[in-house]
């Protein structure tokens, strides 16, 4: 089920940051979106890129991103079947946010680790 169905849709008066996090939050969505910036990926490519994600979780996260209109799932009718995931136009608007998150992580990883 997509996160927009939990009452945080565009017409909601809730916090915009909460809404954004409902769409891209969690352990894996940001990582999946980051890897889609460079172009379409197949399911097994994600499994290689993110070996710690279970197949079930990967399927769930991709499905939620698709339901929210962030990614597109293209099925090619061939043998064996081929499925590719890519950013939609709406998903492309998240690219600067994802890249800023990457930059922040690179710049501040040591500082946060030092606080622990």
PDB file of N, CA and C in Angstrom:
ATOM      1  N   UNK A   1       0.845  -1.171   0.000  1.00  0.00           N
ATOM      2  CA  UNK A   1       0.000   0.000   0.000  1.00  0.00           C
ATOM      3  C   UNK A   1       0.891   1.235   0.000  1.00  0.00           C
ATOM      4  N   UNK A   2       0.614   2.193  -0.853  1.00  0.00           N
ATOM      5  CA  UNK A   2       1.390   3.420  -0.941  1.00  0.00           C
ATOM      6  C   UNK A   2       1.161   4.303   0.271  1.00  0.00           C
ATOM      7  N   UNK A   3       2.130   5.089   0.600  1.00  0.00           N
ATOM      8  CA  UNK A   3       2.045   5.938   1.784  1.00  0.00           C
ATOM      9  C   UNK A   3       1.012   7.042   1.631  1.00  0.00           C
ATOM     10  N   UNK A   4       0.676   7.444   0.403  1.00  0.00           N
ATOM     11  CA  UNK A   4      -0.277   8.529   0.222  1.00  0.00           C
ATOM     12  C   UNK A   4      -1.659   8.134   0.719  1.00  0.00           C
ATOM     13  N   UNK A   5      -1.902   6.834   0.861  1.00  0.00           N
ATOM     14  CA  UNK A   5      -3.209   6.388   1.296  1.00  0.00           C
ATOM     15  C   UNK A   5      -3.394   6.483   2.814  1.00  0.00           C
ATOM     16  N   UNK A   6      -2.383   6.931   3.572  1.00  0.00           N
ATOM     17  CA  UNK A   6      -2.507   6.990   5.027  1.00  0.00           C
ATOM     18  C   UNK A   6      -2.891   8.380   5.518  1.00  0.00           C
ATOM     19  N   UNK A   7      -3.457   9.196   4.633  1.00  0.00           N
ATOM     20  CA  UNK A   7      -3.930  10.497   5.062  1.00  0.00           C
ATOM     21  C   UNK A   7      -2.901  11.597   4.930  1.00  0.00           C
ATOM     22  N   UNK A   8      -1.815  11.353   4.208  1.00  0.00           N
ATOM     23  CA  UNK A   8      -0.806  12.382   4.018  1.00  0.00           C
ATOM     24  C   UNK A   8      -0.758  12.830   2.571  1.00  0.00           C
ATOM     25  N   UNK A   9      -1.879  12.759   1.900  1.00  0.00           N
ATOM     26  CA  UNK A   9      -1.940  13.132   0.491  1.00  0.00           C
ATOM     27  C   UNK A   9      -1.740  14.615   0.291  1.00  0.00           C
ATOM     28  N   UNK A  10      -1.710  15.039  -0.980  1.00  0.00           N
ATOM     29  CA  UNK A  10      -1.445  16.438  -1.303  1.00  0.00           C
ATOM     30  C   UNK A  10      -2.399  17.424  -0.643  1.00  0.00           C
ATOM     31  N   UNK A  11      -3.646  17.006  -0.371  1.00  0.00           N
ATOM     32  CA  UNK A  11      -4.598  17.935   0.223  1.00  0.00           C
ATOM     33  C   UNK A  11      -4.491  17.980   1.747  1.00  0.00           C
ATOM     34  N   UNK A  12      -3.633  17.142   2.319  1.00  0.00           N
ATOM     35  CA  UNK A  12      -3.476  17.111   3.762  1.00  0.00           C
ATOM     36  C   UNK A  12      -2.874  18.417   4.266  1.00  0.00           C
ATOM     37  N   UNK A  13      -3.299  18.823   5.452  1.00  0.00           N
ATOM     38  CA  UNK A  13      -2.761  20.034   6.073  1.00  0.00           C
ATOM     39  C   UNK A  13      -1.559  19.713   6.944  1.00  0.00           C
ATOM     40  N   UNK A  14      -1.076  18.464   6.899  1.00  0.00           N
ATOM     41  CA  UNK A  14       0.055  18.050   7.716  1.00  0.00           C
ATOM     42  C   UNK A  14       1.360  18.688   7.271  1.00  0.00           C
ATOM     43  N   UNK A  15       2.381  18.429   8.016  1.00  0.00           N
ATOM     44  CA  UNK A  15       3.717  18.963   7.774  1.00  0.00           C
ATOM     45  C   UNK A  15       4.255  18.462   6.431  1.00  0.00           C
ATOM     46  N   UNK A  16       4.747  19.361   5.567  1.00  0.00           N
ATOM     47  CA  UNK A  16       5.293  18.942   4.275  1.00  0.00           C
ATOM     48  C   UNK A  16       6.511  18.031   4.418  1.00  0.00           C
ATOM     49  N   UNK A  17       7.300  18.211   5.462  1.00  0.00           N
ATOM     50  CA  UNK A  17       8.457  17.336   5.674  1.00  0.00           C
ATOM     51  C   UNK A  17       7.967  15.926   6.001  1.00  0.00           C
ATOM     52  N   UNK A  18       6.939  15.832   6.814  1.00  0.00           N
ATOM     53  CA  UNK A  18       6.356  14.529   7.145  1.00  0.00           C
ATOM     54  C   UNK A  18       5.844  13.849   5.882  1.00  0.00           C
ATOM     55  N   UNK A  19       5.187  14.614   5.017  1.00  0.00           N
ATOM     56  CA  UNK A  19       4.683  14.049   3.767  1.00  0.00           C
ATOM     57  C   UNK A  19       5.829  13.532   2.904  1.00  0.00           C
ATOM     58  N   UNK A  20       6.894  14.343   2.745  1.00  0.00           N
ATOM     59  CA  UNK A  20       8.032  13.933   1.927  1.00  0.00           C
ATOM     60  C   UNK A  20       8.655  12.664   2.480  1.00  0.00           C
ATOM     61  N   UNK A  21       8.849  12.618   3.784  1.00  0.00           N
ATOM     62  CA  UNK A  21       9.420  11.422   4.398  1.00  0.00           C
ATOM     63  C   UNK A  21       8.506  10.214   4.267  1.00  0.00           C
ATOM     64  N   UNK A  22       7.193  10.433   4.210  1.00  0.00           N
ATOM     65  CA  UNK A  22       6.276   9.308   4.024  1.00  0.00           C
ATOM     66  C   UNK A  22       6.456   8.687   2.646  1.00  0.00           C
ATOM     67  N   UNK A  23       6.919   9.479   1.679  1.00  0.00           N
ATOM     68  CA  UNK A  23       7.125   8.992   0.311  1.00  0.00           C
ATOM     69  C   UNK A  23       8.515   8.389   0.139  1.00  0.00           C
ATOM     70  N   UNK A  24       9.558   9.035   0.681  1.00  0.00           N
ATOM     71  CA  UNK A  24      10.931   8.573   0.421  1.00  0.00           C
ATOM     72  C   UNK A  24      11.638   8.044   1.658  1.00  0.00           C
ATOM     73  N   UNK A  25      10.963   8.050   2.804  1.00  0.00           N
ATOM     74  CA  UNK A  25      11.609   7.654   4.046  1.00  0.00           C
ATOM     75  C   UNK A  25      11.826   6.156   4.163  1.00  0.00           C
ATOM     76  N   UNK A  26      12.452   5.775   5.230  1.00  0.00           N
ATOM     77  CA  UNK A  26      12.761   4.376   5.465  1.00  0.00           C
ATOM     78  C   UNK A  26      14.198   4.077   5.076  1.00  0.00           C
ATOM     79  N   UNK A  27      14.606   2.865   5.344  1.00  0.00           N
ATOM     80  CA  UNK A  27      15.993   2.480   5.149  1.00  0.00           C
ATOM     81  C   UNK A  27      16.386   2.365   3.682  1.00  0.00           C
ATOM     82  N   UNK A  28      15.455   1.988   2.804  1.00  0.00           N
ATOM     83  CA  UNK A  28      15.837   1.612   1.449  1.00  0.00           C
ATOM     84  C   UNK A  28      15.405   2.553   0.343  1.00  0.00           C
ATOM     85  N   UNK A  29      14.318   3.269   0.494  1.00  0.00           N
ATOM     86  CA  UNK A  29      13.787   4.053  -0.628  1.00  0.00           C
ATOM     87  C   UNK A  29      14.774   5.091  -1.148  1.00  0.00           C
ATOM     88  N   UNK A  30      15.409   5.821  -0.250  1.00  0.00           N
ATOM     89  CA  UNK A  30      16.392   6.813  -0.682  1.00  0.00           C
ATOM     90  C   UNK A  30      17.541   6.190  -1.449  1.00  0.00           C
ATOM     91  N   UNK A  31      17.983   5.017  -1.002  1.00  0.00           N
ATOM     92  CA  UNK A  31      19.071   4.311  -1.673  1.00  0.00           C
ATOM     93  C   UNK A  31      18.629   3.859  -3.061  1.00  0.00           C
ATOM     94  N   UNK A  32      17.439   3.314  -3.166  1.00  0.00           N
ATOM     95  CA  UNK A  32      16.924   2.875  -4.464  1.00  0.00           C
ATOM     96  C   UNK A  32      16.798   4.062  -5.415  1.00  0.00           C
ATOM     97  N   UNK A  33      16.269   5.173  -4.914  1.00  0.00           N
ATOM     98  CA  UNK A  33      16.126   6.361  -5.752  1.00  0.00           C
ATOM     99  C   UNK A  33      17.488   6.893  -6.185  1.00  0.00           C
ATOM    100  N   UNK A  34      18.457   6.875  -5.285  1.00  0.00           N
ATOM    101  CA  UNK A  34      19.813   7.335  -5.628  1.00  0.00           C
ATOM    102  C   UNK A  34      20.369   6.532  -6.811  1.00  0.00           C
ATOM    103  N   UNK A  35      20.181   5.236  -6.794  1.00  0.00           N
ATOM    104  CA  UNK A  35      20.712   4.397  -7.874  1.00  0.00           C
ATOM    105  C   UNK A  35      19.920   4.535  -9.171  1.00  0.00           C
ATOM    106  N   UNK A  36      18.699   5.034  -9.093  1.00  0.00           N
ATOM    107  CA  UNK A  36      17.915   5.269 -10.312  1.00  0.00           C
ATOM    108  C   UNK A  36      18.259   6.592 -10.984  1.00  0.00           C
ATOM    109  N   UNK A  37      18.986   7.468 -10.296  1.00  0.00           N
ATOM    110  CA  UNK A  37      19.360   8.759 -10.886  1.00  0.00           C
ATOM    111  C   UNK A  37      20.175   8.544 -12.151  1.00  0.00           C
ATOM    112  N   UNK A  38      21.036   7.523 -12.143  1.00  0.00           N
ATOM    113  CA  UNK A  38      21.892   7.243 -13.301  1.00  0.00           C
ATOM    114  C   UNK A  38      21.173   6.544 -14.443  1.00  0.00           C
ATOM    115  N   UNK A  39      19.951   6.100 -14.227  1.00  0.00           N
ATOM    116  CA  UNK A  39      19.201   5.441 -15.289  1.00  0.00           C
ATOM    117  C   UNK A  39      18.452   4.226 -14.775  1.00  0.00           C
ATOM    118  N   UNK A  40      17.670   3.599 -15.650  1.00  0.00           N
ATOM    119  CA  UNK A  40      16.843   2.455 -15.261  1.00  0.00           C
ATOM    120  C   UNK A  40      17.669   1.307 -14.682  1.00  0.00           C
ATOM    121  N   UNK A  41      17.044   0.573 -13.784  1.00  0.00           N
ATOM    122  CA  UNK A  41      17.668  -0.595 -13.162  1.00  0.00           C
ATOM    123  C   UNK A  41      16.683  -1.757 -13.194  1.00  0.00           C
ATOM    124  N   UNK A  42      17.239  -2.952 -13.294  1.00  0.00           N
ATOM    125  CA  UNK A  42      16.435  -4.165 -13.190  1.00  0.00           C
ATOM    126  C   UNK A  42      16.449  -4.643 -11.745  1.00  0.00           C
ATOM    127  N   UNK A  43      15.486  -5.484 -11.416  1.00  0.00           N
ATOM    128  CA  UNK A  43      15.322  -5.983 -10.053  1.00  0.00           C
ATOM    129  C   UNK A  43      16.619  -6.604  -9.540  1.00  0.00           C
ATOM    130  N   UNK A  44      17.229  -7.470 -10.342  1.00  0.00           N
ATOM    131  CA  UNK A  44      18.449  -8.148  -9.897  1.00  0.00           C
ATOM    132  C   UNK A  44      19.632  -7.188  -9.771  1.00  0.00           C
ATOM    133  N   UNK A  45      19.615  -6.090 -10.504  1.00  0.00           N
ATOM    134  CA  UNK A  45      20.654  -5.071 -10.317  1.00  0.00           C
ATOM    135  C   UNK A  45      20.549  -4.477  -8.916  1.00  0.00           C
ATOM    136  N   UNK A  46      19.323  -4.206  -8.486  1.00  0.00           N
ATOM    137  CA  UNK A  46      19.124  -3.697  -7.123  1.00  0.00           C
ATOM    138  C   UNK A  46      19.609  -4.712  -6.094  1.00  0.00           C
ATOM    139  N   UNK A  47      19.381  -5.989  -6.357  1.00  0.00           N
ATOM    140  CA  UNK A  47      19.833  -7.032  -5.421  1.00  0.00           C
ATOM    141  C   UNK A  47      21.349  -7.037  -5.299  1.00  0.00           C
ATOM    142  N   UNK A  48      22.043  -6.779  -6.415  1.00  0.00           N
ATOM    143  CA  UNK A  48      23.511  -6.724  -6.381  1.00  0.00           C
ATOM    144  C   UNK A  48      23.995  -5.437  -5.703  1.00  0.00           C
ATOM    145  N   UNK A  49      23.331  -4.327  -5.992  1.00  0.00           N
ATOM    146  CA  UNK A  49      23.720  -3.032  -5.428  1.00  0.00           C
ATOM    147  C   UNK A  49      23.470  -3.006  -3.921  1.00  0.00           C
ATOM    148  N   UNK A  50      22.362  -3.595  -3.506  1.00  0.00           N
ATOM    149  CA  UNK A  50      21.944  -3.580  -2.095  1.00  0.00           C
ATOM    150  C   UNK A  50      21.804  -5.022  -1.595  1.00  0.00           C
ATOM    151  N   UNK A  51      22.917  -5.719  -1.369  1.00  0.00           N
ATOM    152  CA  UNK A  51      22.825  -7.140  -1.010  1.00  0.00           C
ATOM    153  C   UNK A  51      22.146  -7.409   0.330  1.00  0.00           C
ATOM    154  N   UNK A  52      22.018  -6.406   1.181  1.00  0.00           N
ATOM    155  CA  UNK A  52      21.402  -6.616   2.495  1.00  0.00           C
ATOM    156  C   UNK A  52      19.884  -6.487   2.493  1.00  0.00           C
ATOM    157  N   UNK A  53      19.302  -6.055   1.382  1.00  0.00           N
ATOM    158  CA  UNK A  53      17.841  -5.948   1.323  1.00  0.00           C
ATOM    159  C   UNK A  53      17.269  -7.308   0.921  1.00  0.00           C
ATOM    160  N   UNK A  54      16.221  -7.717   1.613  1.00  0.00           N
ATOM    161  CA  UNK A  54      15.588  -8.988   1.254  1.00  0.00           C
ATOM    162  C   UNK A  54      14.758  -8.792  -0.022  1.00  0.00           C
ATOM    163  N   UNK A  55      14.515  -9.882  -0.706  1.00  0.00           N
ATOM    164  CA  UNK A  55      13.714  -9.812  -1.923  1.00  0.00           C
ATOM    165  C   UNK A  55      12.324  -9.270  -1.617  1.00  0.00           C
ATOM    166  N   UNK A  56      11.756  -9.694  -0.515  1.00  0.00           N
ATOM    167  CA  UNK A  56      10.417  -9.231  -0.130  1.00  0.00           C
ATOM    168  C   UNK A  56      10.408  -7.720   0.127  1.00  0.00           C
ATOM    169  N   UNK A  57      11.422  -7.228   0.853  1.00  0.00           N
ATOM    170  CA  UNK A  57      11.481  -5.801   1.158  1.00  0.00           C
ATOM    171  C   UNK A  57      11.718  -4.984  -0.108  1.00  0.00           C
ATOM    172  N   UNK A  58      12.582  -5.470  -0.990  1.00  0.00           N
ATOM    173  CA  UNK A  58      12.831  -4.768  -2.243  1.00  0.00           C
ATOM    174  C   UNK A  58      11.550  -4.668  -3.057  1.00  0.00           C
ATOM    175  N   UNK A  59      10.833  -5.756  -3.147  1.00  0.00           N
ATOM    176  CA  UNK A  59       9.556  -5.754  -3.877  1.00  0.00           C
ATOM    177  C   UNK A  59       8.592  -4.756  -3.257  1.00  0.00           C
ATOM    178  N   UNK A  60       8.487  -4.754  -1.938  1.00  0.00           N
ATOM    179  CA  UNK A  60       7.578  -3.849  -1.232  1.00  0.00           C
ATOM    180  C   UNK A  60       7.957  -2.392  -1.464  1.00  0.00           C
ATOM    181  N   UNK A  61       9.245  -2.065  -1.326  1.00  0.00           N
ATOM    182  CA  UNK A  61       9.687  -0.684  -1.485  1.00  0.00           C
ATOM    183  C   UNK A  61       9.478  -0.191  -2.912  1.00  0.00           C
ATOM    184  N   UNK A  62       9.804  -1.024  -3.895  1.00  0.00           N
ATOM    185  CA  UNK A  62       9.587  -0.647  -5.298  1.00  0.00           C
ATOM    186  C   UNK A  62       8.100  -0.454  -5.581  1.00  0.00           C
ATOM    187  N   UNK A  63       7.270  -1.331  -5.035  1.00  0.00           N
ATOM    188  CA  UNK A  63       5.823  -1.235  -5.249  1.00  0.00           C
ATOM    189  C   UNK A  63       5.274   0.072  -4.654  1.00  0.00           C
ATOM    190  N   UNK A  64       5.735   0.430  -3.450  1.00  0.00           N
ATOM    191  CA  UNK A  64       5.263   1.672  -2.828  1.00  0.00           C
ATOM    192  C   UNK A  64       5.703   2.894  -3.631  1.00  0.00           C
ATOM    193  N   UNK A  65       6.948   2.888  -4.107  1.00  0.00           N
ATOM    194  CA  UNK A  65       7.422   4.009  -4.922  1.00  0.00           C
ATOM    195  C   UNK A  65       6.634   4.102  -6.229  1.00  0.00           C
ATOM    196  N   UNK A  66       6.280   2.962  -6.785  1.00  0.00           N
ATOM    197  CA  UNK A  66       5.477   2.956  -8.008  1.00  0.00           C
ATOM    198  C   UNK A  66       4.061   3.468  -7.731  1.00  0.00           C
ATOM    199  N   UNK A  67       3.458   3.026  -6.643  1.00  0.00           N
ATOM    200  CA  UNK A  67       2.106   3.467  -6.287  1.00  0.00           C
ATOM    201  C   UNK A  67       2.054   4.966  -6.026  1.00  0.00           C
ATOM    202  N   UNK A  68       3.141   5.525  -5.512  1.00  0.00           N
ATOM    203  CA  UNK A  68       3.193   6.954  -5.241  1.00  0.00           C
ATOM    204  C   UNK A  68       3.588   7.771  -6.475  1.00  0.00           C
ATOM    205  N   UNK A  69       3.825   7.092  -7.602  1.00  0.00           N
ATOM    206  CA  UNK A  69       4.132   7.796  -8.844  1.00  0.00           C
ATOM    207  C   UNK A  69       5.572   8.279  -8.949  1.00  0.00           C
ATOM    208  N   UNK A  70       6.457   7.731  -8.127  1.00  0.00           N
ATOM    209  CA  UNK A  70       7.854   8.157  -8.100  1.00  0.00           C
ATOM    210  C   UNK A  70       8.690   7.376  -9.112  1.00  0.00           C
ATOM    211  N   UNK A  71       8.364   6.098  -9.274  1.00  0.00           N
ATOM    212  CA  UNK A  71       9.077   5.283 -10.259  1.00  0.00           C
ATOM    213  C   UNK A  71       8.080   4.641 -11.221  1.00  0.00           C
ATOM    214  N   UNK A  72       8.614   4.238 -12.365  1.00  0.00           N
ATOM    215  CA  UNK A  72       7.820   3.550 -13.389  1.00  0.00           C
ATOM    216  C   UNK A  72       8.362   2.138 -13.534  1.00  0.00           C
ATOM    217  N   UNK A  73       7.472   1.185 -13.634  1.00  0.00           N
ATOM    218  CA  UNK A  73       7.833  -0.224 -13.834  1.00  0.00           C
ATOM    219  C   UNK A  73       7.468  -0.603 -15.265  1.00  0.00           C
ATOM    220  N   UNK A  74       8.473  -0.933 -16.038  1.00  0.00           N
ATOM    221  CA  UNK A  74       8.268  -1.304 -17.444  1.00  0.00           C
ATOM    222  C   UNK A  74       8.527  -2.796 -17.604  1.00  0.00           C
ATOM    223  N   UNK A  75       7.514  -3.514 -18.109  1.00  0.00           N
ATOM    224  CA  UNK A  75       7.640  -4.950 -18.352  1.00  0.00           C
ATOM    225  C   UNK A  75       7.808  -5.163 -19.845  1.00  0.00           C
ATOM    226  N   UNK A  76       8.908  -5.808 -20.227  1.00  0.00           N
ATOM    227  CA  UNK A  76       9.172  -6.119 -21.626  1.00  0.00           C
ATOM    228  C   UNK A  76       8.735  -7.552 -21.885  1.00  0.00           C
ATOM    229  N   UNK A  77       7.870  -7.722 -22.882  1.00  0.00           N
ATOM    230  CA  UNK A  77       7.352  -9.044 -23.211  1.00  0.00           C
ATOM    231  C   UNK A  77       8.376  -9.804 -24.043  1.00  0.00           C
ATOM    232  N   UNK A  78       9.223 -10.527 -23.362  1.00  0.00           N
ATOM    233  CA  UNK A  78      10.238 -11.336 -24.008  1.00  0.00           C
ATOM    234  C   UNK A  78      10.495 -12.534 -23.118  1.00  0.00           C
ATOM    235  N   UNK A  79      11.278 -13.471 -23.605  1.00  0.00           N
ATOM    236  CA  UNK A  79      11.608 -14.656 -22.813  1.00  0.00           C
ATOM    237  C   UNK A  79      13.110 -14.641 -22.549  1.00  0.00           C
ATOM    238  N   UNK A  80      13.543 -14.637 -21.306  1.00  0.00           N
ATOM    239  CA  UNK A  80      12.718 -14.470 -20.102  1.00  0.00           C
ATOM    240  C   UNK A  80      12.215 -13.032 -19.982  1.00  0.00           C
ATOM    241  N   UNK A  81      11.119 -12.837 -19.238  1.00  0.00           N
ATOM    242  CA  UNK A  81      10.571 -11.490 -19.085  1.00  0.00           C
ATOM    243  C   UNK A  81      11.607 -10.544 -18.483  1.00  0.00           C
ATOM    244  N   UNK A  82      11.553  -9.301 -18.893  1.00  0.00           N
ATOM    245  CA  UNK A  82      12.476  -8.278 -18.396  1.00  0.00           C
ATOM    246  C   UNK A  82      11.648  -7.154 -17.797  1.00  0.00           C
ATOM    247  N   UNK A  83      12.023  -6.727 -16.587  1.00  0.00           N
ATOM    248  CA  UNK A  83      11.338  -5.628 -15.914  1.00  0.00           C
ATOM    249  C   UNK A  83      12.393  -4.597 -15.542  1.00  0.00           C
ATOM    250  N   UNK A  84      12.135  -3.342 -15.894  1.00  0.00           N
ATOM    251  CA  UNK A  84      13.027  -2.245 -15.545  1.00  0.00           C
ATOM    252  C   UNK A  84      12.262  -1.204 -14.744  1.00  0.00           C
ATOM    253  N   UNK A  85      12.979  -0.587 -13.820  1.00  0.00           N
ATOM    254  CA  UNK A  85      12.430   0.492 -13.009  1.00  0.00           C
ATOM    255  C   UNK A  85      13.174   1.775 -13.356  1.00  0.00           C
ATOM    256  N   UNK A  86      12.431   2.867 -13.467  1.00  0.00           N
ATOM    257  CA  UNK A  86      13.034   4.164 -13.777  1.00  0.00           C
ATOM    258  C   UNK A  86      12.275   5.249 -13.026  1.00  0.00           C
ATOM    259  N   UNK A  87      12.910   6.405 -12.902  1.00  0.00           N
ATOM    260  CA  UNK A  87      12.254   7.540 -12.262  1.00  0.00           C
ATOM    261  C   UNK A  87      11.211   8.136 -13.205  1.00  0.00           C
ATOM    262  N   UNK A  88      10.068   8.488 -12.672  1.00  0.00           N
ATOM    263  CA  UNK A  88       9.067   9.229 -13.437  1.00  0.00           C
ATOM    264  C   UNK A  88       9.480  10.700 -13.430  1.00  0.00           C
ATOM    265  N   UNK A  89       8.721  11.528 -14.118  1.00  0.00           N
ATOM    266  CA  UNK A  89       8.990  12.971 -14.067  1.00  0.00           C
ATOM    267  C   UNK A  89       8.901  13.472 -12.621  1.00  0.00           C
ATOM    268  N   UNK A  90       7.907  12.974 -11.886  1.00  0.00           N
ATOM    269  CA  UNK A  90       7.774  13.349 -10.478  1.00  0.00           C
ATOM    270  C   UNK A  90       8.977  12.848  -9.687  1.00  0.00           C
ATOM    271  N   UNK A  91       9.406  11.637  -9.956  1.00  0.00           N
ATOM    272  CA  UNK A  91      10.574  11.078  -9.290  1.00  0.00           C
ATOM    273  C   UNK A  91      11.834  11.878  -9.573  1.00  0.00           C
ATOM    274  N   UNK A  92      11.961  12.385 -10.791  1.00  0.00           N
ATOM    275  CA  UNK A  92      13.123  13.200 -11.155  1.00  0.00           C
ATOM    276  C   UNK A  92      13.219  14.451 -10.278  1.00  0.00           C
ATOM    277  N   UNK A  93      12.075  14.967  -9.820  1.00  0.00           N
ATOM    278  CA  UNK A  93      12.106  16.164  -8.983  1.00  0.00           C
ATOM    279  C   UNK A  93      12.756  15.890  -7.629  1.00  0.00           C
ATOM    280  N   UNK A  94      12.901  14.624  -7.249  1.00  0.00           N
ATOM    281  CA  UNK A  94      13.551  14.255  -5.989  1.00  0.00           C
ATOM    282  C   UNK A  94      15.070  14.176  -6.119  1.00  0.00           C
ATOM    283  N   UNK A  95      15.592  14.205  -7.347  1.00  0.00           N
ATOM    284  CA  UNK A  95      17.029  14.058  -7.563  1.00  0.00           C
ATOM    285  C   UNK A  95      17.850  15.053  -6.747  1.00  0.00           C
ATOM    286  N   UNK A  96      17.530  16.353  -6.766  1.00  0.00           N
ATOM    287  CA  UNK A  96      18.338  17.283  -5.962  1.00  0.00           C
ATOM    288  C   UNK A  96      18.304  16.965  -4.471  1.00  0.00           C
ATOM    289  N   UNK A  97      17.167  16.502  -3.983  1.00  0.00           N
ATOM    290  CA  UNK A  97      17.040  16.166  -2.562  1.00  0.00           C
ATOM    291  C   UNK A  97      17.930  14.969  -2.231  1.00  0.00           C
ATOM    292  N   UNK A  98      17.875  13.946  -3.060  1.00  0.00           N
ATOM    293  CA  UNK A  98      18.672  12.736  -2.838  1.00  0.00           C
ATOM    294  C   UNK A  98      20.163  13.066  -2.909  1.00  0.00           C
ATOM    295  N   UNK A  99      20.558  13.884  -3.886  1.00  0.00           N
ATOM    296  CA  UNK A  99      21.967  14.259  -4.014  1.00  0.00           C
ATOM    297  C   UNK A  99      22.432  15.114  -2.835  1.00  0.00           C
ATOM    298  N   UNK A 100      21.547  15.973  -2.315  1.00  0.00           N
ATOM    299  CA  UNK A 100      21.880  16.753  -1.123  1.00  0.00           C
ATOM    300  C   UNK A 100      22.045  15.840   0.092  1.00  0.00           C
ATOM    301  N   UNK A 101      21.218  14.812   0.196  1.00  0.00           N
ATOM    302  CA  UNK A 101      21.343  13.852   1.285  1.00  0.00           C
ATOM    303  C   UNK A 101      22.683  13.131   1.199  1.00  0.00           C
ATOM    304  N   UNK A 102      23.086  12.761  -0.016  1.00  0.00           N
ATOM    305  CA  UNK A 102      24.381  12.111  -0.223  1.00  0.00           C
ATOM    306  C   UNK A 102      25.513  13.043   0.218  1.00  0.00           C
ATOM    307  N   UNK A 103      25.444  14.281  -0.215  1.00  0.00           N
ATOM    308  CA  UNK A 103      26.483  15.253   0.121  1.00  0.00           C
ATOM    309  C   UNK A 103      26.556  15.476   1.631  1.00  0.00           C
ATOM    310  N   UNK A 104      25.415  15.617   2.272  1.00  0.00           N
ATOM    311  CA  UNK A 104      25.383  15.813   3.712  1.00  0.00           C
ATOM    312  C   UNK A 104      26.013  14.621   4.422  1.00  0.00           C
ATOM    313  N   UNK A 105      25.679  13.417   3.959  1.00  0.00           N
ATOM    314  CA  UNK A 105      26.240  12.213   4.561  1.00  0.00           C
ATOM    315  C   UNK A 105      27.750  12.151   4.421  1.00  0.00           C
ATOM    316  N   UNK A 106      28.254  12.515   3.251  1.00  0.00           N
ATOM    317  CA  UNK A 106      29.701  12.523   3.034  1.00  0.00           C
ATOM    318  C   UNK A 106      30.385  13.535   3.956  1.00  0.00           C
ATOM    319  N   UNK A 107      29.778  14.696   4.107  1.00  0.00           N
ATOM    320  CA  UNK A 107      30.386  15.773   4.885  1.00  0.00           C
ATOM    321  C   UNK A 107      30.269  15.582   6.396  1.00  0.00           C
ATOM    322  N   UNK A 108      29.263  14.872   6.835  1.00  0.00           N
ATOM    323  CA  UNK A 108      28.973  14.829   8.270  1.00  0.00           C
ATOM    324  C   UNK A 108      29.049  13.455   8.918  1.00  0.00           C
ATOM    325  N   UNK A 109      29.376  12.442   8.159  1.00  0.00           N
ATOM    326  CA  UNK A 109      29.457  11.093   8.715  1.00  0.00           C
ATOM    327  C   UNK A 109      30.399  11.032   9.917  1.00  0.00           C
ATOM    328  N   UNK A 110      31.589  11.633   9.754  1.00  0.00           N
ATOM    329  CA  UNK A 110      32.578  11.609  10.838  1.00  0.00           C
ATOM    330  C   UNK A 110      32.120  12.358  12.064  1.00  0.00           C
ATOM    331  N   UNK A 111      31.476  13.496  11.877  1.00  0.00           N
ATOM    332  CA  UNK A 111      31.013  14.304  13.011  1.00  0.00           C
ATOM    333  C   UNK A 111      29.938  13.575  13.798  1.00  0.00           C
ATOM    334  N   UNK A 112      29.029  12.933  13.113  1.00  0.00           N
ATOM    335  CA  UNK A 112      27.962  12.214  13.807  1.00  0.00           C
ATOM    336  C   UNK A 112      28.542  10.994  14.527  1.00  0.00           C
ATOM    337  N   UNK A 113      29.458  10.282  13.877  1.00  0.00           N
ATOM    338  CA  UNK A 113      30.090   9.114  14.498  1.00  0.00           C
ATOM    339  C   UNK A 113      30.870   9.522  15.739  1.00  0.00           C
ATOM    340  N   UNK A 114      31.492  10.703  15.713  1.00  0.00           N
ATOM    341  CA  UNK A 114      32.272  11.176  16.855  1.00  0.00           C
ATOM    342  C   UNK A 114      31.397  11.473  18.062  1.00  0.00           C
ATOM    343  N   UNK A 115      30.126  11.791  17.831  1.00  0.00           N
ATOM    344  CA  UNK A 115      29.201  12.104  18.928  1.00  0.00           C
ATOM    345  C   UNK A 115      28.734  10.851  19.670  1.00  0.00           C
ATOM    346  N   UNK A 116      28.935   9.693  19.063  1.00  0.00           N
ATOM    347  CA  UNK A 116      28.427   8.442  19.682  1.00  0.00           C
ATOM    348  C   UNK A 116      29.400   7.859  20.658  1.00  0.00           C
TER     349      UNK A 116
END
